[in-house]
Amino acid sequence: MKNGDNGFTFVLGGARSGKSEFALKKAESFPGPRVYLATAEAKDAEMDERIKKHKEGRRHDWVTIEEPVDVIKIIEGAKEGVILIDCLTLWITNLMVAGAADGEISSASERLAAACRDSAARVVAVSNEVGMGIVPEGQLARRFRDVAGFANQRMAENASDVWFVAAGIPLKMK
């Protein structure tokens, strides 16, 4: 890696924006073994179907690791290849559901961003941009938006490459 490229690419977008597909193609453009780090949990039939479709959309050479919470440990333990994290906002949701306080999640977000930046593997991380709409009415939704916004800022700050995907069109931000 050269020219300021630390090997960390961050991809943002709204729901159904095409961000995961873009991130997958981006990750597949890099050499080495590929790990798909999935943070989603199939807690109902609809989510199970979504996960199944995501798996079907990947080439056979991807190894899938399903880890809803301990994402940092996997990134820190990587020695080579490419890791695609999909997605940061589900990881934040999982931390919130597990009872983590906002400060704990913010600290974990900072550690994750640094781990992605410093990883021996090339990391491509996906997240939802949740701050472009109206201020949510409910306290939990506002809390989620704020925590996710902070995490997205830390990730973008530490990435050498940042992309925003809207309507299937990737826009390079950094």
C-alpha atoms as a PDB file:
ATOM      1  CA  MET A   1       0.000   0.000   0.000  1.00  0.00           C
ATOM      2  CA  LYS A   2       1.292   3.432  -0.845  1.00  0.00           C
ATOM      3  CA  ASN A   3       0.373   7.061  -1.395  1.00  0.00           C
ATOM      4  CA  GLY A   4      -1.405   7.412   1.949  1.00  0.00           C
ATOM      5  CA  ASP A   5      -3.387   4.192   1.503  1.00  0.00           C
ATOM      6  CA  ASN A   6      -3.559   2.491   4.892  1.00  0.00           C
ATOM      7  CA  GLY A   7      -5.654  -0.363   3.490  1.00  0.00           C
ATOM      8  CA  PHE A   8      -8.905   0.736   5.073  1.00  0.00           C
ATOM      9  CA  THR A   9     -11.924   1.592   2.920  1.00  0.00           C
ATOM     10  CA  PHE A  10     -15.153   2.890   4.454  1.00  0.00           C
ATOM     11  CA  VAL A  11     -18.442   2.715   2.538  1.00  0.00           C
ATOM     12  CA  LEU A  12     -21.539   4.665   3.626  1.00  0.00           C
ATOM     13  CA  GLY A  13     -25.041   4.825   2.236  1.00  0.00           C
ATOM     14  CA  GLY A  14     -28.707   4.653   3.043  1.00  0.00           C
ATOM     15  CA  ALA A  15     -30.895   1.568   3.159  1.00  0.00           C
ATOM     16  CA  ARG A  16     -31.030  -0.158  -0.226  1.00  0.00           C
ATOM     17  CA  SER A  17     -28.529   2.329  -1.667  1.00  0.00           C
ATOM     18  CA  GLY A  18     -26.261  -0.357  -3.140  1.00  0.00           C
ATOM     19  CA  LYS A  19     -23.522   0.142  -0.539  1.00  0.00           C
ATOM     20  CA  SER A  20     -23.068  -3.552   0.290  1.00  0.00           C
ATOM     21  CA  GLU A  21     -22.843  -4.532  -3.374  1.00  0.00           C
ATOM     22  CA  PHE A  22     -20.323  -1.772  -4.014  1.00  0.00           C
ATOM     23  CA  ALA A  23     -18.262  -2.776  -0.961  1.00  0.00           C
ATOM     24  CA  LEU A  24     -18.278  -6.417  -2.065  1.00  0.00           C
ATOM     25  CA  LYS A  25     -16.981  -5.510  -5.537  1.00  0.00           C
ATOM     26  CA  LYS A  26     -14.380  -3.222  -3.987  1.00  0.00           C
ATOM     27  CA  ALA A  27     -13.206  -5.971  -1.624  1.00  0.00           C
ATOM     28  CA  GLU A  28     -13.073  -8.507  -4.466  1.00  0.00           C
ATOM     29  CA  SER A  29     -10.732  -6.207  -6.389  1.00  0.00           C
ATOM     30  CA  PHE A  30      -8.011  -6.775  -3.782  1.00  0.00           C
ATOM     31  CA  PRO A  31      -5.810  -9.889  -3.717  1.00  0.00           C
ATOM     32  CA  GLY A  32      -5.637 -12.495  -0.989  1.00  0.00           C
ATOM     33  CA  PRO A  33      -7.980 -14.603   1.082  1.00  0.00           C
ATOM     34  CA  ARG A  34     -11.380 -13.025   1.714  1.00  0.00           C
ATOM     35  CA  VAL A  35     -13.345 -12.914   4.973  1.00  0.00           C
ATOM     36  CA  TYR A  36     -16.895 -11.617   5.126  1.00  0.00           C
ATOM     37  CA  LEU A  37     -17.473 -10.460   8.702  1.00  0.00           C
ATOM     38  CA  ALA A  38     -21.241 -10.440   9.145  1.00  0.00           C
ATOM     39  CA  THR A  39     -22.709  -8.617  12.131  1.00  0.00           C
ATOM     40  CA  ALA A  40     -26.364  -9.469  11.431  1.00  0.00           C
ATOM     41  CA  GLU A  41     -28.254 -12.059  13.419  1.00  0.00           C
ATOM     42  CA  ALA A  42     -31.187 -13.986  11.963  1.00  0.00           C
ATOM     43  CA  LYS A  43     -33.775 -13.463  14.684  1.00  0.00           C
ATOM     44  CA  ASP A  44     -36.763 -13.859  12.363  1.00  0.00           C
ATOM     45  CA  ALA A  45     -37.613 -15.422   8.988  1.00  0.00           C
ATOM     46  CA  GLU A  46     -37.328 -12.151   7.066  1.00  0.00           C
ATOM     47  CA  MET A  47     -33.809 -11.465   8.365  1.00  0.00           C
ATOM     48  CA  ASP A  48     -32.846 -15.075   7.714  1.00  0.00           C
ATOM     49  CA  GLU A  49     -33.892 -14.585   4.073  1.00  0.00           C
ATOM     50  CA  ARG A  50     -31.879 -11.340   3.804  1.00  0.00           C
ATOM     51  CA  ILE A  51     -28.776 -13.087   5.133  1.00  0.00           C
ATOM     52  CA  LYS A  52     -29.283 -15.963   2.714  1.00  0.00           C
ATOM     53  CA  LYS A  53     -29.461 -13.545  -0.255  1.00  0.00           C
ATOM     54  CA  HIS A  54     -26.288 -11.781   0.889  1.00  0.00           C
ATOM     55  CA  LYS A  55     -24.473 -15.130   1.036  1.00  0.00           C
ATOM     56  CA  GLU A  56     -25.723 -16.107  -2.427  1.00  0.00           C
ATOM     57  CA  GLY A  57     -24.351 -12.837  -3.812  1.00  0.00           C
ATOM     58  CA  ARG A  58     -20.778 -13.665  -2.787  1.00  0.00           C
ATOM     59  CA  ARG A  59     -18.264 -15.701  -4.742  1.00  0.00           C
ATOM     60  CA  HIS A  60     -17.402 -19.141  -3.380  1.00  0.00           C
ATOM     61  CA  ASP A  61     -13.954 -18.043  -2.180  1.00  0.00           C
ATOM     62  CA  TRP A  62     -15.334 -15.953   0.711  1.00  0.00           C
ATOM     63  CA  VAL A  63     -15.107 -17.320   4.248  1.00  0.00           C
ATOM     64  CA  THR A  64     -18.016 -16.027   6.328  1.00  0.00           C
ATOM     65  CA  ILE A  65     -17.578 -15.237  10.008  1.00  0.00           C
ATOM     66  CA  GLU A  66     -20.783 -14.355  11.817  1.00  0.00           C
ATOM     67  CA  GLU A  67     -19.890 -12.150  14.771  1.00  0.00           C
ATOM     68  CA  PRO A  68     -22.485  -9.719  16.087  1.00  0.00           C
ATOM     69  CA  VAL A  69     -20.394  -8.086  18.852  1.00  0.00           C
ATOM     70  CA  ASP A  70     -16.681  -8.987  19.060  1.00  0.00           C
ATOM     71  CA  VAL A  71     -15.702  -7.480  15.699  1.00  0.00           C
ATOM     72  CA  ILE A  72     -12.576  -5.711  16.978  1.00  0.00           C
ATOM     73  CA  LYS A  73     -10.932  -8.978  18.050  1.00  0.00           C
ATOM     74  CA  ILE A  74     -11.316 -10.437  14.558  1.00  0.00           C
ATOM     75  CA  ILE A  75      -9.872  -7.348  12.861  1.00  0.00           C
ATOM     76  CA  GLU A  76      -6.945  -7.215  15.293  1.00  0.00           C
ATOM     77  CA  GLY A  77      -6.232 -10.915  14.735  1.00  0.00           C
ATOM     78  CA  ALA A  78      -6.147 -10.710  10.932  1.00  0.00           C
ATOM     79  CA  LYS A  79      -2.770 -11.374   9.352  1.00  0.00           C
ATOM     80  CA  GLU A  80      -3.492 -11.061   5.610  1.00  0.00           C
ATOM     81  CA  GLY A  81      -6.059 -10.772   2.866  1.00  0.00           C
ATOM     82  CA  VAL A  82      -9.275  -8.794   2.829  1.00  0.00           C
ATOM     83  CA  ILE A  83     -11.974  -8.426   5.476  1.00  0.00           C
ATOM     84  CA  LEU A  84     -15.368  -6.988   4.596  1.00  0.00           C
ATOM     85  CA  ILE A  85     -17.370  -5.842   7.646  1.00  0.00           C
ATOM     86  CA  ASP A  86     -21.100  -5.658   6.914  1.00  0.00           C
ATOM     87  CA  CYS A  87     -22.262  -3.704   8.721  1.00  0.00           C
ATOM     88  CA  LEU A  88     -21.281  -1.185  11.365  1.00  0.00           C
ATOM     89  CA  THR A  89     -24.817  -0.038  12.203  1.00  0.00           C
ATOM     90  CA  LEU A  90     -25.956  -3.599  12.922  1.00  0.00           C
ATOM     91  CA  TRP A  91     -22.899  -3.981  15.164  1.00  0.00           C
ATOM     92  CA  ILE A  92     -23.931  -0.808  17.023  1.00  0.00           C
ATOM     93  CA  THR A  93     -27.488  -2.132  17.347  1.00  0.00           C
ATOM     94  CA  ASN A  94     -26.130  -5.386  18.792  1.00  0.00           C
ATOM     95  CA  LEU A  95     -24.051  -3.461  21.345  1.00  0.00           C
ATOM     96  CA  MET A  96     -27.059  -1.345  22.328  1.00  0.00           C
ATOM     97  CA  VAL A  97     -29.272  -4.430  22.713  1.00  0.00           C
ATOM     98  CA  ALA A  98     -26.544  -6.011  24.862  1.00  0.00           C
ATOM     99  CA  GLY A  99     -26.859  -3.012  27.209  1.00  0.00           C
ATOM    100  CA  ALA A 100     -23.727  -1.065  26.303  1.00  0.00           C
ATOM    101  CA  ALA A 101     -23.807   2.603  27.295  1.00  0.00           C
ATOM    102  CA  ASP A 102     -23.196   5.332  24.716  1.00  0.00           C
ATOM    103  CA  GLY A 103     -19.685   5.996  26.030  1.00  0.00           C
ATOM    104  CA  GLU A 104     -18.806   2.306  25.777  1.00  0.00           C
ATOM    105  CA  ILE A 105     -20.049   2.168  22.187  1.00  0.00           C
ATOM    106  CA  SER A 106     -18.168   5.351  21.289  1.00  0.00           C
ATOM    107  CA  SER A 107     -14.992   3.926  22.805  1.00  0.00           C
ATOM    108  CA  ALA A 108     -15.503   0.646  20.944  1.00  0.00           C
ATOM    109  CA  SER A 109     -16.060   2.608  17.717  1.00  0.00           C
ATOM    110  CA  GLU A 110     -12.756   4.416  18.191  1.00  0.00           C
ATOM    111  CA  ARG A 111     -10.986   1.104  18.843  1.00  0.00           C
ATOM    112  CA  LEU A 112     -12.610  -0.481  15.777  1.00  0.00           C
ATOM    113  CA  ALA A 113     -11.614   2.439  13.545  1.00  0.00           C
ATOM    114  CA  ALA A 114      -8.000   2.205  14.747  1.00  0.00           C
ATOM    115  CA  ALA A 115      -7.998  -1.585  14.320  1.00  0.00           C
ATOM    116  CA  CYS A 116      -9.274  -1.239  10.734  1.00  0.00           C
ATOM    117  CA  ARG A 117      -6.660   1.418   9.969  1.00  0.00           C
ATOM    118  CA  ASP A 118      -3.801  -0.599  11.497  1.00  0.00           C
ATOM    119  CA  SER A 119      -4.841  -4.089  10.367  1.00  0.00           C
ATOM    120  CA  ALA A 120      -2.427  -6.309   8.462  1.00  0.00           C
ATOM    121  CA  ALA A 121      -5.434  -7.187   6.278  1.00  0.00           C
ATOM    122  CA  ARG A 122      -7.138  -4.771   3.896  1.00  0.00           C
ATOM    123  CA  VAL A 123     -10.444  -3.816   5.545  1.00  0.00           C
ATOM    124  CA  VAL A 124     -13.596  -2.658   3.792  1.00  0.00           C
ATOM    125  CA  ALA A 125     -16.301  -1.579   6.258  1.00  0.00           C
ATOM    126  CA  VAL A 126     -19.940  -0.810   5.444  1.00  0.00           C
ATOM    127  CA  SER A 127     -22.263   1.459   7.429  1.00  0.00           C
ATOM    128  CA  ASN A 128     -25.606   3.182   7.063  1.00  0.00           C
ATOM    129  CA  GLU A 129     -25.673   6.958   6.896  1.00  0.00           C
ATOM    130  CA  VAL A 130     -28.427   7.687   9.409  1.00  0.00           C
ATOM    131  CA  GLY A 131     -28.129  11.432   9.892  1.00  0.00           C
ATOM    132  CA  MET A 132     -29.566  12.813   6.667  1.00  0.00           C
ATOM    133  CA  GLY A 133     -33.229  12.658   7.578  1.00  0.00           C
ATOM    134  CA  ILE A 134     -35.434  14.366  10.108  1.00  0.00           C
ATOM    135  CA  VAL A 135     -34.688  14.255  13.822  1.00  0.00           C
ATOM    136  CA  PRO A 136     -36.322  11.038  15.049  1.00  0.00           C
ATOM    137  CA  GLU A 137     -39.238  11.428  17.432  1.00  0.00           C
ATOM    138  CA  GLY A 138     -38.249   8.683  19.875  1.00  0.00           C
ATOM    139  CA  GLN A 139     -35.381   8.822  22.363  1.00  0.00           C
ATOM    140  CA  LEU A 140     -34.001   5.406  21.348  1.00  0.00           C
ATOM    141  CA  ALA A 141     -33.961   6.350  17.651  1.00  0.00           C
ATOM    142  CA  ARG A 142     -32.203   9.655  18.438  1.00  0.00           C
ATOM    143  CA  ARG A 143     -29.693   7.820  20.608  1.00  0.00           C
ATOM    144  CA  PHE A 144     -28.987   5.333  17.824  1.00  0.00           C
ATOM    145  CA  ARG A 145     -28.605   8.110  15.232  1.00  0.00           C
ATOM    146  CA  ASP A 146     -26.169  10.003  17.461  1.00  0.00           C
ATOM    147  CA  VAL A 147     -24.053   6.973  18.372  1.00  0.00           C
ATOM    148  CA  ALA A 148     -23.962   5.763  14.749  1.00  0.00           C
ATOM    149  CA  GLY A 149     -23.071   9.241  13.516  1.00  0.00           C
ATOM    150  CA  PHE A 150     -20.134   9.417  15.928  1.00  0.00           C
ATOM    151  CA  ALA A 151     -18.973   5.940  14.860  1.00  0.00           C
ATOM    152  CA  ASN A 152     -19.222   6.851  11.173  1.00  0.00           C
ATOM    153  CA  GLN A 153     -17.109   9.950  11.786  1.00  0.00           C
ATOM    154  CA  ARG A 154     -14.386   7.915  13.524  1.00  0.00           C
ATOM    155  CA  MET A 155     -14.369   5.333  10.732  1.00  0.00           C
ATOM    156  CA  ALA A 156     -14.179   7.975   7.983  1.00  0.00           C
ATOM    157  CA  GLU A 157     -11.435   9.842   9.842  1.00  0.00           C
ATOM    158  CA  ASN A 158      -9.286   6.692  10.019  1.00  0.00           C
ATOM    159  CA  ALA A 159      -9.971   5.344   6.521  1.00  0.00           C
ATOM    160  CA  SER A 160      -7.786   6.230   3.579  1.00  0.00           C
ATOM    161  CA  ASP A 161     -10.720   5.723   1.216  1.00  0.00           C
ATOM    162  CA  VAL A 162     -14.317   6.821   1.917  1.00  0.00           C
ATOM    163  CA  TRP A 163     -17.243   6.243  -0.443  1.00  0.00           C
ATOM    164  CA  PHE A 164     -20.881   7.325  -0.286  1.00  0.00           C
ATOM    165  CA  VAL A 165     -23.359   5.253  -2.287  1.00  0.00           C
ATOM    166  CA  ALA A 166     -26.745   6.677  -3.318  1.00  0.00           C
ATOM    167  CA  ALA A 167     -29.142   5.074  -5.814  1.00  0.00           C
ATOM    168  CA  GLY A 168     -26.445   2.538  -6.690  1.00  0.00           C
ATOM    169  CA  ILE A 169     -23.948   5.243  -7.643  1.00  0.00           C
ATOM    170  CA  PRO A 170     -20.706   5.401  -5.630  1.00  0.00           C
ATOM    171  CA  LEU A 171     -19.303   8.845  -4.904  1.00  0.00           C
ATOM    172  CA  LYS A 172     -15.734   9.103  -3.641  1.00  0.00           C
ATOM    173  CA  MET A 173     -15.583  11.371  -0.592  1.00  0.00           C
ATOM    174  CA  LYS A 174     -11.962  10.860   0.447  1.00  0.00           C
END
